[in-house]
Amino acid sequence: GLAKLGCTVYGSHANYLFFRLHVPHLRERLEPRGILLRDCGNFKGLSGEFCRIAVRGRTDNEALLAAMGELT
């Protein structure tokens, strides 16, 4: 679903998805909806376009995709 929204999604071996998407202030815009992203802009070599989010249950993941769809 993230790839369909224009995200570049990177492989993972944990319960997190690491992705890149250019939507200004994405973290701040999702937080009021109860969706918490980890902004990875303070990781060495990354910009604020890189984010990480925990893989959750189907309902939570569908809420994430719906909210991101409204913002992209």
N, C-alpha and C. Protein backbone atom coordinates (compact mmCIF):
# COMPACT_ATOMS: atom_id res chain seq x y z
N GLY A 1 0.80 -1.19 0.00
CA GLY A 1 0.00 0.00 0.00
C GLY A 1 0.84 1.27 0.00
N LEU A 2 1.97 1.26 0.75
CA LEU A 2 2.84 2.44 0.78
C LEU A 2 3.43 2.72 -0.59
N ALA A 3 3.83 1.70 -1.29
CA ALA A 3 4.42 1.88 -2.63
C ALA A 3 3.40 2.51 -3.58
N LYS A 4 2.13 2.13 -3.46
CA LYS A 4 1.08 2.71 -4.31
C LYS A 4 0.88 4.19 -4.04
N LEU A 5 1.27 4.64 -2.82
CA LEU A 5 1.15 6.06 -2.47
C LEU A 5 2.39 6.86 -2.87
N GLY A 6 3.34 6.20 -3.53
CA GLY A 6 4.53 6.90 -3.99
C GLY A 6 5.73 6.75 -3.08
N CYS A 7 5.63 5.93 -2.05
CA CYS A 7 6.75 5.71 -1.13
C CYS A 7 7.76 4.76 -1.75
N THR A 8 9.02 4.99 -1.45
CA THR A 8 10.04 4.00 -1.71
C THR A 8 10.18 3.22 -0.41
N VAL A 9 9.86 1.94 -0.42
CA VAL A 9 9.88 1.11 0.78
C VAL A 9 11.10 0.21 0.71
N TYR A 10 11.85 0.15 1.80
CA TYR A 10 13.07 -0.64 1.87
C TYR A 10 12.79 -1.92 2.65
N GLY A 11 13.48 -3.00 2.30
CA GLY A 11 13.31 -4.28 2.97
C GLY A 11 13.60 -4.20 4.46
N SER A 12 13.00 -5.12 5.21
CA SER A 12 13.16 -5.10 6.65
C SER A 12 13.20 -6.52 7.19
N HIS A 13 13.90 -6.68 8.30
CA HIS A 13 13.92 -7.96 9.00
C HIS A 13 13.35 -7.80 10.40
N ALA A 14 12.62 -6.74 10.61
CA ALA A 14 12.01 -6.44 11.91
C ALA A 14 10.57 -6.02 11.68
N ASN A 15 9.87 -5.66 12.74
CA ASN A 15 8.47 -5.27 12.60
C ASN A 15 8.31 -3.78 12.34
N TYR A 16 9.24 -3.21 11.57
CA TYR A 16 9.18 -1.82 11.16
C TYR A 16 9.27 -1.74 9.65
N LEU A 17 8.60 -0.74 9.10
CA LEU A 17 8.77 -0.42 7.69
C LEU A 17 9.55 0.88 7.60
N PHE A 18 10.56 0.88 6.78
CA PHE A 18 11.41 2.05 6.55
C PHE A 18 11.10 2.51 5.14
N PHE A 19 10.71 3.78 5.02
CA PHE A 19 10.31 4.27 3.70
C PHE A 19 10.71 5.72 3.51
N ARG A 20 10.64 6.13 2.26
CA ARG A 20 10.96 7.52 1.88
C ARG A 20 9.78 8.08 1.11
N LEU A 21 9.34 9.26 1.52
CA LEU A 21 8.24 9.94 0.84
C LEU A 21 8.40 11.43 1.08
N HIS A 22 8.31 12.20 0.01
CA HIS A 22 8.42 13.65 0.14
C HIS A 22 7.04 14.26 0.36
N VAL A 23 6.65 14.35 1.62
CA VAL A 23 5.44 15.06 2.03
C VAL A 23 5.85 15.92 3.22
N PRO A 24 5.92 17.23 3.04
CA PRO A 24 6.39 18.09 4.13
C PRO A 24 5.59 17.89 5.42
N HIS A 25 6.31 17.79 6.52
CA HIS A 25 5.73 17.68 7.86
C HIS A 25 4.80 16.49 8.01
N LEU A 26 5.13 15.37 7.37
CA LEU A 26 4.28 14.18 7.41
C LEU A 26 4.04 13.73 8.85
N ARG A 27 5.10 13.64 9.64
CA ARG A 27 4.95 13.17 11.01
C ARG A 27 3.98 14.05 11.78
N GLU A 28 4.16 15.36 11.69
CA GLU A 28 3.30 16.30 12.41
C GLU A 28 1.85 16.25 11.93
N ARG A 29 1.66 15.94 10.67
CA ARG A 29 0.31 15.90 10.10
C ARG A 29 -0.43 14.60 10.44
N LEU A 30 0.32 13.53 10.71
CA LEU A 30 -0.31 12.26 11.07
C LEU A 30 -0.55 12.12 12.57
N GLU A 31 0.26 12.78 13.36
CA GLU A 31 0.17 12.65 14.82
C GLU A 31 -1.23 12.96 15.38
N PRO A 32 -1.91 14.04 14.95
CA PRO A 32 -3.26 14.30 15.48
C PRO A 32 -4.27 13.18 15.17
N ARG A 33 -3.94 12.35 14.20
CA ARG A 33 -4.80 11.22 13.83
C ARG A 33 -4.45 9.96 14.62
N GLY A 34 -3.50 10.10 15.55
CA GLY A 34 -3.09 8.95 16.36
C GLY A 34 -2.08 8.05 15.69
N ILE A 35 -1.45 8.54 14.63
CA ILE A 35 -0.46 7.76 13.89
C ILE A 35 0.91 8.36 14.16
N LEU A 36 1.80 7.55 14.72
CA LEU A 36 3.12 8.03 15.10
C LEU A 36 4.18 7.46 14.17
N LEU A 37 4.86 8.34 13.47
CA LEU A 37 5.98 7.97 12.60
C LEU A 37 7.27 8.35 13.29
N ARG A 38 8.32 7.61 13.00
CA ARG A 38 9.66 7.96 13.46
C ARG A 38 10.33 8.69 12.30
N ASP A 39 10.56 9.98 12.46
CA ASP A 39 11.27 10.78 11.47
C ASP A 39 12.74 10.38 11.57
N CYS A 40 13.31 9.90 10.48
CA CYS A 40 14.70 9.42 10.48
C CYS A 40 15.66 10.48 9.96
N GLY A 41 15.23 11.73 9.90
CA GLY A 41 16.07 12.80 9.40
C GLY A 41 17.32 13.06 10.22
N ASN A 42 17.33 12.59 11.47
CA ASN A 42 18.53 12.79 12.29
C ASN A 42 19.48 11.59 12.22
N PHE A 43 19.19 10.61 11.37
CA PHE A 43 20.10 9.50 11.14
C PHE A 43 21.17 9.98 10.17
N LYS A 44 22.38 9.57 10.36
CA LYS A 44 23.49 9.99 9.50
C LYS A 44 23.20 9.66 8.03
N GLY A 45 23.24 10.67 7.19
CA GLY A 45 23.06 10.50 5.76
C GLY A 45 21.62 10.52 5.28
N LEU A 46 20.65 10.70 6.19
CA LEU A 46 19.25 10.69 5.78
C LEU A 46 18.63 12.07 5.95
N SER A 47 17.59 12.32 5.17
CA SER A 47 16.85 13.57 5.29
C SER A 47 15.50 13.29 5.95
N GLY A 48 14.72 14.32 6.17
CA GLY A 48 13.41 14.19 6.77
C GLY A 48 12.40 13.46 5.90
N GLU A 49 12.77 13.12 4.67
CA GLU A 49 11.88 12.34 3.80
C GLU A 49 11.84 10.87 4.21
N PHE A 50 12.78 10.44 5.05
CA PHE A 50 12.86 9.05 5.48
C PHE A 50 12.12 8.88 6.79
N CYS A 51 11.29 7.85 6.86
CA CYS A 51 10.49 7.58 8.05
C CYS A 51 10.49 6.10 8.36
N ARG A 52 10.11 5.81 9.60
CA ARG A 52 9.98 4.42 10.03
C ARG A 52 8.68 4.30 10.81
N ILE A 53 7.97 3.21 10.60
CA ILE A 53 6.72 2.97 11.32
C ILE A 53 6.62 1.49 11.66
N ALA A 54 6.03 1.20 12.81
CA ALA A 54 5.85 -0.18 13.22
C ALA A 54 4.73 -0.83 12.42
N VAL A 55 4.92 -2.09 12.08
CA VAL A 55 3.87 -2.87 11.44
C VAL A 55 2.87 -3.23 12.53
N ARG A 56 1.63 -2.97 12.29
CA ARG A 56 0.58 -3.20 13.28
C ARG A 56 -0.45 -4.17 12.70
N GLY A 57 -1.62 -4.18 13.29
CA GLY A 57 -2.70 -5.02 12.80
C GLY A 57 -3.34 -4.43 11.55
N ARG A 58 -4.19 -5.20 10.94
CA ARG A 58 -4.82 -4.79 9.68
C ARG A 58 -5.55 -3.45 9.80
N THR A 59 -6.33 -3.26 10.86
CA THR A 59 -7.09 -2.02 11.04
C THR A 59 -6.17 -0.82 11.13
N ASP A 60 -5.11 -0.93 11.92
CA ASP A 60 -4.15 0.18 12.06
C ASP A 60 -3.44 0.47 10.74
N ASN A 61 -3.05 -0.58 10.04
CA ASN A 61 -2.36 -0.38 8.76
C ASN A 61 -3.27 0.26 7.73
N GLU A 62 -4.53 -0.13 7.71
CA GLU A 62 -5.49 0.50 6.78
C GLU A 62 -5.72 1.96 7.13
N ALA A 63 -5.73 2.29 8.44
CA ALA A 63 -5.88 3.69 8.87
C ALA A 63 -4.66 4.50 8.42
N LEU A 64 -3.48 3.93 8.53
CA LEU A 64 -2.26 4.60 8.07
C LEU A 64 -2.34 4.91 6.58
N LEU A 65 -2.69 3.91 5.79
CA LEU A 65 -2.76 4.10 4.34
C LEU A 65 -3.83 5.11 3.96
N ALA A 66 -4.97 5.08 4.64
CA ALA A 66 -6.04 6.05 4.35
C ALA A 66 -5.58 7.46 4.67
N ALA A 67 -4.96 7.65 5.84
CA ALA A 67 -4.50 8.98 6.23
C ALA A 67 -3.41 9.48 5.29
N MET A 68 -2.47 8.63 4.94
CA MET A 68 -1.40 9.04 4.02
C MET A 68 -1.96 9.33 2.65
N GLY A 69 -2.98 8.58 2.23
CA GLY A 69 -3.62 8.84 0.94
C GLY A 69 -4.25 10.21 0.86
N GLU A 70 -4.77 10.69 1.98
CA GLU A 70 -5.36 12.02 2.01
C GLU A 70 -4.30 13.12 1.96
N LEU A 71 -3.08 12.82 2.42
CA LEU A 71 -2.02 13.82 2.49
C LEU A 71 -1.12 13.84 1.27
N THR A 72 -1.20 12.82 0.41
CA THR A 72 -0.32 12.78 -0.76
C THR A 72 -1.02 13.22 -2.00
